[in-house]
Amino acid sequence: MRKFYDWSCEVLADICKKEEIKCVIHCHYMQSESSSIKEKNKRLETKQRIKEILTICSKTFLWEDTTQGIFSAKNPYLLSEIVQPLHLSLNIDISHSFIALNGDNLALKNHLEQYHSYADYFHLVDSYGVEHDSLPLGKGKIDWSMVKPFIGDADFIFEIDLQASNYLDCELMINSARYYNEI
């Protein structure tokens, strides 16, 4: 898995350089070696792995947070041990952060206060804060009027789970855009 991750990062970095674009990637996946927050050696190992990927291309990748593990809002050391020292550019998935924080809007606000200045991109998607539910904005429990000022002028996408029967129907994204613009 690690060889594939390294290889795919090299391929993505090459494409991004040629096309002059950025790419959102995940630092790790659930139930991987980077799932344990408590073990400092695992956190530092993850930091070292990210450093290795940054040598491939330091300006191309936007690192997306996860719902669990070392690269999630659950990790109280993420900012001080990884994001700040490596000057990482982030993609904050608002629903991932909210789920990691057990559906707590105050905790989400505190998280965004600390992390939004590192975010170059956001995934805007609502959630009940329990599992990865990918809801349209206004259909979950996220306080979007609190979140919106943290987004500011950053780029974002409404990453709503479209219906499997018709991926061409993006009405849920359009409704999310209306909701967001009305805040």
N, C-alpha and C. Protein backbone atom coordinates (compact mmCIF):
# COMPACT_ATOMS: atom_id res chain seq x y z
N MET A 1 0.83 -1.19 0.00
CA MET A 1 0.00 0.00 0.00
C MET A 1 0.88 1.25 0.00
N ARG A 2 1.95 1.22 0.77
CA ARG A 2 2.83 2.39 0.84
C ARG A 2 3.50 2.66 -0.51
N LYS A 3 3.93 1.61 -1.20
CA LYS A 3 4.55 1.79 -2.51
C LYS A 3 3.57 2.42 -3.49
N PHE A 4 2.32 1.96 -3.45
CA PHE A 4 1.30 2.54 -4.33
C PHE A 4 1.06 4.00 -3.98
N TYR A 5 0.99 4.32 -2.70
CA TYR A 5 0.78 5.70 -2.26
C TYR A 5 1.91 6.60 -2.78
N ASP A 6 3.14 6.16 -2.60
CA ASP A 6 4.28 6.95 -3.07
C ASP A 6 4.25 7.11 -4.58
N TRP A 7 4.03 6.00 -5.28
CA TRP A 7 3.98 6.05 -6.75
C TRP A 7 2.87 6.98 -7.22
N SER A 8 1.67 6.85 -6.64
CA SER A 8 0.54 7.67 -7.09
C SER A 8 0.78 9.14 -6.77
N CYS A 9 1.45 9.45 -5.66
CA CYS A 9 1.78 10.85 -5.35
C CYS A 9 2.73 11.42 -6.39
N GLU A 10 3.69 10.62 -6.82
CA GLU A 10 4.62 11.08 -7.87
C GLU A 10 3.88 11.35 -9.17
N VAL A 11 2.99 10.46 -9.55
CA VAL A 11 2.22 10.64 -10.78
C VAL A 11 1.33 11.87 -10.68
N LEU A 12 0.64 12.01 -9.55
CA LEU A 12 -0.23 13.18 -9.35
C LEU A 12 0.58 14.48 -9.35
N ALA A 13 1.73 14.48 -8.70
CA ALA A 13 2.57 15.68 -8.67
C ALA A 13 3.00 16.07 -10.07
N ASP A 14 3.36 15.09 -10.87
CA ASP A 14 3.78 15.35 -12.24
C ASP A 14 2.63 15.96 -13.06
N ILE A 15 1.45 15.39 -12.94
CA ILE A 15 0.27 15.94 -13.64
C ILE A 15 0.00 17.37 -13.18
N CYS A 16 0.05 17.59 -11.88
CA CYS A 16 -0.24 18.91 -11.33
C CYS A 16 0.77 19.96 -11.81
N LYS A 17 2.02 19.59 -11.85
CA LYS A 17 3.05 20.51 -12.34
C LYS A 17 2.78 20.88 -13.80
N LYS A 18 2.50 19.86 -14.61
CA LYS A 18 2.27 20.10 -16.04
C LYS A 18 1.03 20.96 -16.28
N GLU A 19 0.00 20.70 -15.52
CA GLU A 19 -1.27 21.40 -15.69
C GLU A 19 -1.39 22.68 -14.85
N GLU A 20 -0.40 22.92 -13.99
CA GLU A 20 -0.40 24.07 -13.08
C GLU A 20 -1.66 24.10 -12.21
N ILE A 21 -1.90 22.96 -11.58
CA ILE A 21 -3.05 22.80 -10.68
C ILE A 21 -2.59 22.20 -9.35
N LYS A 22 -3.50 22.15 -8.41
CA LYS A 22 -3.22 21.51 -7.12
C LYS A 22 -4.09 20.27 -6.99
N CYS A 23 -3.72 19.41 -6.07
CA CYS A 23 -4.41 18.15 -5.89
C CYS A 23 -4.69 17.93 -4.40
N VAL A 24 -5.92 17.55 -4.10
CA VAL A 24 -6.29 17.22 -2.73
C VAL A 24 -5.97 15.74 -2.50
N ILE A 25 -5.20 15.48 -1.45
CA ILE A 25 -4.90 14.09 -1.11
C ILE A 25 -5.15 13.87 0.38
N HIS A 26 -5.33 12.61 0.72
CA HIS A 26 -5.48 12.22 2.12
C HIS A 26 -4.12 11.79 2.66
N CYS A 27 -3.85 12.19 3.88
CA CYS A 27 -2.61 11.79 4.54
C CYS A 27 -2.62 10.29 4.82
N HIS A 28 -3.77 9.78 5.23
CA HIS A 28 -3.91 8.35 5.52
C HIS A 28 -5.37 7.97 5.44
N TYR A 29 -5.60 6.70 5.50
CA TYR A 29 -6.97 6.20 5.47
C TYR A 29 -7.28 5.52 6.80
N MET A 30 -8.56 5.36 7.07
CA MET A 30 -8.98 4.73 8.31
C MET A 30 -8.40 3.32 8.41
N GLN A 31 -8.14 2.93 9.63
CA GLN A 31 -7.60 1.60 9.95
C GLN A 31 -6.26 1.34 9.28
N SER A 32 -5.50 2.41 9.11
CA SER A 32 -4.14 2.26 8.58
C SER A 32 -3.18 2.44 9.74
N GLU A 33 -1.91 2.41 9.42
CA GLU A 33 -0.89 2.58 10.46
C GLU A 33 -0.96 3.97 11.10
N SER A 34 -1.67 4.89 10.48
CA SER A 34 -1.78 6.26 11.01
C SER A 34 -3.10 6.51 11.72
N SER A 35 -3.74 5.45 12.15
CA SER A 35 -5.03 5.61 12.81
C SER A 35 -4.91 5.88 14.31
N SER A 36 -3.76 5.59 14.90
CA SER A 36 -3.60 5.74 16.34
C SER A 36 -3.05 7.11 16.71
N ILE A 37 -3.88 7.90 17.38
CA ILE A 37 -3.47 9.24 17.81
C ILE A 37 -2.59 9.18 19.05
N LYS A 38 -2.83 8.22 19.92
CA LYS A 38 -2.19 8.18 21.24
C LYS A 38 -0.69 7.90 21.19
N GLU A 39 -0.24 7.18 20.18
CA GLU A 39 1.16 6.80 20.12
C GLU A 39 1.99 7.89 19.44
N LYS A 40 2.84 8.56 20.23
CA LYS A 40 3.64 9.66 19.70
C LYS A 40 4.54 9.20 18.55
N ASN A 41 5.09 8.00 18.68
CA ASN A 41 5.97 7.52 17.61
C ASN A 41 5.21 7.37 16.29
N LYS A 42 3.92 7.00 16.34
CA LYS A 42 3.11 6.89 15.12
C LYS A 42 2.84 8.28 14.54
N ARG A 43 2.60 9.25 15.42
CA ARG A 43 2.36 10.62 14.94
C ARG A 43 3.62 11.16 14.26
N LEU A 44 4.78 10.94 14.88
CA LEU A 44 6.03 11.44 14.31
C LEU A 44 6.40 10.67 13.04
N GLU A 45 6.04 9.39 12.99
CA GLU A 45 6.26 8.60 11.78
C GLU A 45 5.40 9.16 10.64
N THR A 46 4.17 9.52 10.95
CA THR A 46 3.29 10.11 9.94
C THR A 46 3.86 11.44 9.46
N LYS A 47 4.35 12.25 10.37
CA LYS A 47 4.98 13.52 9.99
C LYS A 47 6.16 13.27 9.04
N GLN A 48 6.97 12.28 9.35
CA GLN A 48 8.12 11.96 8.50
C GLN A 48 7.67 11.51 7.12
N ARG A 49 6.61 10.71 7.05
CA ARG A 49 6.10 10.25 5.77
C ARG A 49 5.59 11.43 4.93
N ILE A 50 4.92 12.38 5.60
CA ILE A 50 4.45 13.57 4.88
C ILE A 50 5.64 14.37 4.36
N LYS A 51 6.68 14.50 5.17
CA LYS A 51 7.90 15.20 4.73
C LYS A 51 8.47 14.55 3.48
N GLU A 52 8.46 13.22 3.44
CA GLU A 52 8.96 12.51 2.27
C GLU A 52 8.12 12.83 1.04
N ILE A 53 6.81 12.87 1.21
CA ILE A 53 5.93 13.20 0.09
C ILE A 53 6.16 14.65 -0.36
N LEU A 54 6.41 15.54 0.59
CA LEU A 54 6.66 16.94 0.25
C LEU A 54 7.92 17.12 -0.58
N THR A 55 8.87 16.18 -0.47
CA THR A 55 10.07 16.28 -1.31
C THR A 55 9.74 16.03 -2.77
N ILE A 56 8.66 15.31 -3.02
CA ILE A 56 8.21 15.07 -4.41
C ILE A 56 7.72 16.38 -5.00
N CYS A 57 6.93 17.09 -4.23
CA CYS A 57 6.41 18.38 -4.67
C CYS A 57 5.81 19.11 -3.47
N SER A 58 6.44 20.15 -3.04
CA SER A 58 6.02 20.82 -1.81
C SER A 58 4.83 21.76 -1.99
N LYS A 59 4.54 22.18 -3.20
CA LYS A 59 3.50 23.19 -3.42
C LYS A 59 2.24 22.65 -4.08
N THR A 60 2.21 21.39 -4.42
CA THR A 60 1.12 20.84 -5.21
C THR A 60 -0.04 20.30 -4.40
N PHE A 61 0.26 19.67 -3.27
CA PHE A 61 -0.77 18.94 -2.54
C PHE A 61 -1.46 19.78 -1.47
N LEU A 62 -2.77 19.57 -1.38
CA LEU A 62 -3.58 20.12 -0.29
C LEU A 62 -3.99 18.91 0.54
N TRP A 63 -3.67 18.91 1.81
CA TRP A 63 -3.85 17.75 2.67
C TRP A 63 -5.22 17.80 3.33
N GLU A 64 -6.06 16.79 3.03
CA GLU A 64 -7.43 16.75 3.55
C GLU A 64 -7.50 16.00 4.87
N ASP A 65 -8.25 16.58 5.80
CA ASP A 65 -8.45 15.94 7.10
C ASP A 65 -9.35 14.72 6.98
N THR A 66 -9.23 13.83 7.95
CA THR A 66 -10.01 12.61 7.98
C THR A 66 -10.98 12.66 9.17
N THR A 67 -11.85 11.68 9.24
CA THR A 67 -12.81 11.64 10.35
C THR A 67 -12.22 10.99 11.59
N GLN A 68 -11.14 10.22 11.43
CA GLN A 68 -10.47 9.56 12.55
C GLN A 68 -8.98 9.53 12.29
N GLY A 69 -8.22 9.31 13.33
CA GLY A 69 -6.79 9.09 13.18
C GLY A 69 -5.95 10.34 13.33
N ILE A 70 -4.70 10.19 12.98
CA ILE A 70 -3.69 11.23 13.21
C ILE A 70 -4.02 12.52 12.47
N PHE A 71 -4.58 12.42 11.27
CA PHE A 71 -4.86 13.63 10.49
C PHE A 71 -6.32 14.06 10.62
N SER A 72 -6.86 13.90 11.82
CA SER A 72 -8.25 14.31 12.07
C SER A 72 -8.28 15.38 13.15
N ALA A 73 -9.42 16.04 13.24
CA ALA A 73 -9.62 17.08 14.27
C ALA A 73 -9.59 16.49 15.67
N LYS A 74 -9.66 15.17 15.80
CA LYS A 74 -9.56 14.51 17.11
C LYS A 74 -8.15 14.60 17.68
N ASN A 75 -7.16 14.75 16.81
CA ASN A 75 -5.76 14.75 17.24
C ASN A 75 -5.37 16.11 17.82
N PRO A 76 -5.18 16.21 19.13
CA PRO A 76 -4.82 17.49 19.73
C PRO A 76 -3.40 17.95 19.37
N TYR A 77 -2.61 17.07 18.75
CA TYR A 77 -1.23 17.40 18.39
C TYR A 77 -1.05 17.70 16.91
N LEU A 78 -2.11 17.62 16.14
CA LEU A 78 -2.00 17.77 14.69
C LEU A 78 -1.38 19.11 14.29
N LEU A 79 -1.86 20.17 14.88
CA LEU A 79 -1.35 21.50 14.52
C LEU A 79 0.11 21.67 14.94
N SER A 80 0.42 21.38 16.20
CA SER A 80 1.76 21.64 16.71
C SER A 80 2.82 20.67 16.21
N GLU A 81 2.43 19.42 15.95
CA GLU A 81 3.43 18.42 15.54
C GLU A 81 3.56 18.26 14.03
N ILE A 82 2.50 18.57 13.29
CA ILE A 82 2.54 18.28 11.85
C ILE A 82 2.27 19.51 10.99
N VAL A 83 1.11 20.13 11.15
CA VAL A 83 0.71 21.20 10.23
C VAL A 83 1.64 22.41 10.32
N GLN A 84 1.84 22.95 11.51
CA GLN A 84 2.71 24.13 11.65
C GLN A 84 4.16 23.86 11.24
N PRO A 85 4.80 22.82 11.78
CA PRO A 85 6.21 22.62 11.41
C PRO A 85 6.45 22.35 9.93
N LEU A 86 5.48 21.70 9.28
CA LEU A 86 5.64 21.39 7.86
C LEU A 86 5.02 22.45 6.95
N HIS A 87 4.38 23.46 7.55
CA HIS A 87 3.73 24.53 6.78
C HIS A 87 2.80 23.93 5.72
N LEU A 88 1.97 22.99 6.15
CA LEU A 88 1.10 22.28 5.21
C LEU A 88 -0.04 23.15 4.71
N SER A 89 -0.32 23.04 3.45
CA SER A 89 -1.52 23.63 2.86
C SER A 89 -2.63 22.60 3.03
N LEU A 90 -3.75 23.04 3.57
CA LEU A 90 -4.82 22.10 3.90
C LEU A 90 -6.03 22.25 3.01
N ASN A 91 -6.74 21.15 2.88
CA ASN A 91 -8.11 21.14 2.42
C ASN A 91 -8.91 20.69 3.64
N ILE A 92 -9.73 21.58 4.16
CA ILE A 92 -10.55 21.20 5.31
C ILE A 92 -11.91 20.77 4.81
N ASP A 93 -12.23 19.52 5.09
CA ASP A 93 -13.56 19.00 4.81
C ASP A 93 -14.37 19.27 6.07
N ILE A 94 -15.30 20.20 5.99
CA ILE A 94 -16.05 20.63 7.17
C ILE A 94 -16.78 19.45 7.82
N SER A 95 -17.34 18.57 7.02
CA SER A 95 -18.05 17.43 7.62
C SER A 95 -17.07 16.47 8.29
N HIS A 96 -15.88 16.27 7.72
CA HIS A 96 -14.89 15.41 8.37
C HIS A 96 -14.52 15.96 9.74
N SER A 97 -14.28 17.26 9.80
CA SER A 97 -13.93 17.88 11.08
C SER A 97 -15.08 17.73 12.07
N PHE A 98 -16.29 17.99 11.62
CA PHE A 98 -17.47 17.92 12.48
C PHE A 98 -17.69 16.51 13.02
N ILE A 99 -17.51 15.51 12.16
CA ILE A 99 -17.64 14.11 12.59
C ILE A 99 -16.55 13.76 13.60
N ALA A 100 -15.32 14.16 13.31
CA ALA A 100 -14.22 13.89 14.23
C ALA A 100 -14.46 14.51 15.60
N LEU A 101 -15.18 15.63 15.60
CA LEU A 101 -15.46 16.36 16.85
C LEU A 101 -16.82 15.97 17.44
N ASN A 102 -17.34 14.82 17.01
CA ASN A 102 -18.59 14.26 17.54
C ASN A 102 -19.79 15.19 17.42
N GLY A 103 -19.86 15.93 16.33
CA GLY A 103 -21.02 16.78 16.07
C GLY A 103 -21.13 17.98 16.98
N ASP A 104 -20.02 18.50 17.45
CA ASP A 104 -20.00 19.62 18.39
C ASP A 104 -19.63 20.91 17.63
N ASN A 105 -20.60 21.82 17.46
CA ASN A 105 -20.36 23.06 16.71
C ASN A 105 -19.37 23.99 17.40
N LEU A 106 -19.37 24.03 18.73
CA LEU A 106 -18.40 24.86 19.44
C LEU A 106 -16.99 24.33 19.21
N ALA A 107 -16.82 23.02 19.27
CA ALA A 107 -15.51 22.42 19.00
C ALA A 107 -15.11 22.68 17.55
N LEU A 108 -16.07 22.64 16.62
CA LEU A 108 -15.78 22.94 15.22
C LEU A 108 -15.32 24.39 15.07
N LYS A 109 -15.97 25.29 15.76
CA LYS A 109 -15.56 26.70 15.71
C LYS A 109 -14.13 26.86 16.22
N ASN A 110 -13.82 26.23 17.34
CA ASN A 110 -12.46 26.30 17.90
C ASN A 110 -11.44 25.71 16.93
N HIS A 111 -11.81 24.61 16.30
CA HIS A 111 -10.94 23.97 15.32
C HIS A 111 -10.67 24.91 14.14
N LEU A 112 -11.73 25.50 13.61
CA LEU A 112 -11.57 26.40 12.47
C LEU A 112 -10.78 27.65 12.83
N GLU A 113 -10.94 28.13 14.04
CA GLU A 113 -10.15 29.29 14.49
C GLU A 113 -8.66 28.98 14.39
N GLN A 114 -8.28 27.75 14.72
CA GLN A 114 -6.87 27.37 14.71
C GLN A 114 -6.36 27.02 13.30
N TYR A 115 -7.21 26.42 12.48
CA TYR A 115 -6.75 25.82 11.23
C TYR A 115 -7.09 26.58 9.96
N HIS A 116 -8.08 27.47 9.99
CA HIS A 116 -8.55 28.05 8.72
C HIS A 116 -7.45 28.81 7.96
N SER A 117 -6.49 29.36 8.67
CA SER A 117 -5.44 30.12 7.97
C SER A 117 -4.49 29.20 7.18
N TYR A 118 -4.52 27.91 7.46
CA TYR A 118 -3.72 26.94 6.71
C TYR A 118 -4.49 26.35 5.52
N ALA A 119 -5.78 26.64 5.45
CA ALA A 119 -6.63 26.04 4.41
C ALA A 119 -6.63 26.88 3.14
N ASP A 120 -6.30 26.22 2.04
CA ASP A 120 -6.39 26.84 0.72
C ASP A 120 -7.66 26.40 0.01
N TYR A 121 -8.34 25.42 0.59
CA TYR A 121 -9.50 24.83 -0.07
C TYR A 121 -10.39 24.19 0.98
N PHE A 122 -11.69 24.18 0.72
CA PHE A 122 -12.64 23.58 1.65
C PHE A 122 -13.61 22.68 0.91
N HIS A 123 -14.02 21.60 1.56
CA HIS A 123 -15.16 20.81 1.12
C HIS A 123 -16.31 21.18 2.02
N LEU A 124 -17.36 21.72 1.43
CA LEU A 124 -18.54 22.13 2.19
C LEU A 124 -19.61 21.07 2.02
N VAL A 125 -19.94 20.40 3.11
CA VAL A 125 -20.91 19.33 3.10
C VAL A 125 -21.45 19.18 4.52
N ASP A 126 -22.74 19.02 4.63
CA ASP A 126 -23.36 18.94 5.96
C ASP A 126 -23.30 17.51 6.50
N SER A 127 -23.57 17.40 7.80
CA SER A 127 -23.49 16.11 8.47
C SER A 127 -24.25 16.18 9.79
N TYR A 128 -24.64 15.00 10.26
CA TYR A 128 -25.20 14.90 11.61
C TYR A 128 -24.09 14.76 12.65
N GLY A 129 -22.86 14.56 12.19
CA GLY A 129 -21.72 14.49 13.10
C GLY A 129 -21.45 13.13 13.68
N VAL A 130 -22.02 12.09 13.08
CA VAL A 130 -21.83 10.73 13.61
C VAL A 130 -21.04 9.88 12.63
N GLU A 131 -21.40 9.96 11.36
CA GLU A 131 -20.75 9.17 10.32
C GLU A 131 -20.68 9.99 9.03
N HIS A 132 -19.99 9.46 8.07
CA HIS A 132 -19.81 10.14 6.79
C HIS A 132 -21.11 10.09 6.00
N ASP A 133 -21.98 11.10 6.17
CA ASP A 133 -23.31 11.08 5.57
C ASP A 133 -23.47 11.99 4.36
N SER A 134 -22.55 12.93 4.12
CA SER A 134 -22.51 13.74 2.89
C SER A 134 -23.83 14.40 2.54
N LEU A 135 -24.36 15.17 3.45
CA LEU A 135 -25.67 15.80 3.27
C LEU A 135 -25.56 17.17 2.60
N PRO A 136 -26.62 17.59 1.91
CA PRO A 136 -26.66 18.96 1.40
C PRO A 136 -26.64 19.96 2.56
N LEU A 137 -26.13 21.15 2.32
CA LEU A 137 -26.09 22.17 3.36
C LEU A 137 -27.50 22.47 3.86
N GLY A 138 -27.62 22.60 5.18
CA GLY A 138 -28.89 22.88 5.81
C GLY A 138 -29.67 21.64 6.19
N LYS A 139 -29.18 20.46 5.83
CA LYS A 139 -29.89 19.21 6.13
C LYS A 139 -29.28 18.46 7.31
N GLY A 140 -28.16 18.93 7.80
CA GLY A 140 -27.50 18.29 8.94
C GLY A 140 -27.48 19.23 10.13
N LYS A 141 -26.48 19.09 10.97
CA LYS A 141 -26.40 19.86 12.22
C LYS A 141 -25.29 20.90 12.24
N ILE A 142 -24.57 21.07 11.15
CA ILE A 142 -23.49 22.05 11.13
C ILE A 142 -24.06 23.46 11.10
N ASP A 143 -23.51 24.34 11.93
CA ASP A 143 -23.92 25.74 12.00
C ASP A 143 -23.17 26.51 10.91
N TRP A 144 -23.80 26.61 9.73
CA TRP A 144 -23.13 27.22 8.58
C TRP A 144 -22.94 28.71 8.73
N SER A 145 -23.78 29.39 9.48
CA SER A 145 -23.57 30.83 9.70
C SER A 145 -22.31 31.05 10.53
N MET A 146 -21.94 30.09 11.38
CA MET A 146 -20.69 30.17 12.13
C MET A 146 -19.51 29.81 11.23
N VAL A 147 -19.68 28.84 10.34
CA VAL A 147 -18.60 28.34 9.50
C VAL A 147 -18.23 29.34 8.40
N LYS A 148 -19.23 29.96 7.78
CA LYS A 148 -19.01 30.76 6.57
C LYS A 148 -17.91 31.83 6.71
N PRO A 149 -17.82 32.56 7.81
CA PRO A 149 -16.74 33.56 7.90
C PRO A 149 -15.33 32.95 7.83
N PHE A 150 -15.18 31.70 8.25
CA PHE A 150 -13.86 31.06 8.19
C PHE A 150 -13.49 30.69 6.75
N ILE A 151 -14.48 30.51 5.90
CA ILE A 151 -14.22 30.18 4.50
C ILE A 151 -13.66 31.40 3.78
N GLY A 152 -14.23 32.56 4.07
CA GLY A 152 -13.75 33.79 3.46
C GLY A 152 -13.72 33.69 1.95
N ASP A 153 -12.58 34.07 1.35
CA ASP A 153 -12.43 34.05 -0.10
C ASP A 153 -11.77 32.77 -0.61
N ALA A 154 -11.59 31.79 0.26
CA ALA A 154 -10.94 30.53 -0.16
C ALA A 154 -11.83 29.78 -1.16
N ASP A 155 -11.20 28.99 -1.97
CA ASP A 155 -11.93 28.14 -2.91
C ASP A 155 -12.60 27.00 -2.16
N PHE A 156 -13.72 26.53 -2.70
CA PHE A 156 -14.44 25.42 -2.07
C PHE A 156 -15.31 24.73 -3.10
N ILE A 157 -15.78 23.56 -2.71
CA ILE A 157 -16.74 22.80 -3.51
C ILE A 157 -17.80 22.25 -2.56
N PHE A 158 -19.02 22.14 -3.07
CA PHE A 158 -20.08 21.48 -2.31
C PHE A 158 -19.94 19.99 -2.61
N GLU A 159 -19.36 19.25 -1.70
CA GLU A 159 -19.06 17.84 -1.93
C GLU A 159 -20.19 16.97 -1.39
N ILE A 160 -21.32 17.07 -2.07
CA ILE A 160 -22.54 16.39 -1.66
C ILE A 160 -22.60 15.02 -2.31
N ASP A 161 -23.09 14.03 -1.58
CA ASP A 161 -23.24 12.68 -2.12
C ASP A 161 -24.42 12.66 -3.09
N LEU A 162 -24.11 12.59 -4.38
CA LEU A 162 -25.16 12.55 -5.39
C LEU A 162 -25.78 11.16 -5.45
N GLN A 163 -26.98 11.09 -5.94
CA GLN A 163 -27.71 9.82 -6.01
C GLN A 163 -27.05 8.88 -7.01
N ALA A 164 -26.83 7.65 -6.59
CA ALA A 164 -26.17 6.65 -7.44
C ALA A 164 -26.94 6.39 -8.73
N SER A 165 -28.24 6.57 -8.68
CA SER A 165 -29.05 6.30 -9.87
C SER A 165 -28.88 7.36 -10.96
N ASN A 166 -28.41 8.57 -10.58
CA ASN A 166 -28.26 9.62 -11.57
C ASN A 166 -27.23 10.65 -11.11
N TYR A 167 -25.95 10.37 -11.38
CA TYR A 167 -24.88 11.28 -10.98
C TYR A 167 -24.91 12.61 -11.73
N LEU A 168 -25.68 12.67 -12.80
CA LEU A 168 -25.77 13.91 -13.57
C LEU A 168 -26.73 14.92 -12.94
N ASP A 169 -27.53 14.48 -12.00
CA ASP A 169 -28.47 15.37 -11.32
C ASP A 169 -27.77 16.03 -10.14
N CYS A 170 -27.36 17.28 -10.31
CA CYS A 170 -26.61 17.98 -9.27
C CYS A 170 -27.49 18.98 -8.51
N GLU A 171 -28.79 18.71 -8.47
CA GLU A 171 -29.72 19.60 -7.78
C GLU A 171 -29.34 19.80 -6.31
N LEU A 172 -28.85 18.76 -5.64
CA LEU A 172 -28.46 18.89 -4.23
C LEU A 172 -27.31 19.88 -4.06
N MET A 173 -26.41 19.92 -5.02
CA MET A 173 -25.30 20.89 -4.97
C MET A 173 -25.83 22.31 -5.22
N ILE A 174 -26.73 22.43 -6.16
CA ILE A 174 -27.32 23.74 -6.46
C ILE A 174 -28.09 24.25 -5.25
N ASN A 175 -28.85 23.38 -4.61
CA ASN A 175 -29.58 23.77 -3.39
C ASN A 175 -28.62 24.17 -2.28
N SER A 176 -27.50 23.48 -2.18
CA SER A 176 -26.49 23.82 -1.18
C SER A 176 -25.90 25.20 -1.46
N ALA A 177 -25.66 25.49 -2.72
CA ALA A 177 -25.13 26.81 -3.10
C ALA A 177 -26.13 27.90 -2.74
N ARG A 178 -27.41 27.67 -3.02
CA ARG A 178 -28.45 28.65 -2.64
C ARG A 178 -28.44 28.88 -1.13
N TYR A 179 -28.44 27.79 -0.39
CA TYR A 179 -28.45 27.87 1.08
C TYR A 179 -27.25 28.68 1.57
N TYR A 180 -26.07 28.36 1.05
CA TYR A 180 -24.83 29.03 1.46
C TYR A 180 -24.91 30.53 1.12
N ASN A 181 -25.38 30.85 -0.05
CA ASN A 181 -25.44 32.25 -0.47
C ASN A 181 -26.46 33.06 0.32
N GLU A 182 -27.47 32.39 0.86
CA GLU A 182 -28.50 33.08 1.64
C GLU A 182 -28.06 33.35 3.09
N ILE A 183 -26.99 32.73 3.50
CA ILE A 183 -26.51 32.96 4.89
C ILE A 183 -25.93 34.35 5.00
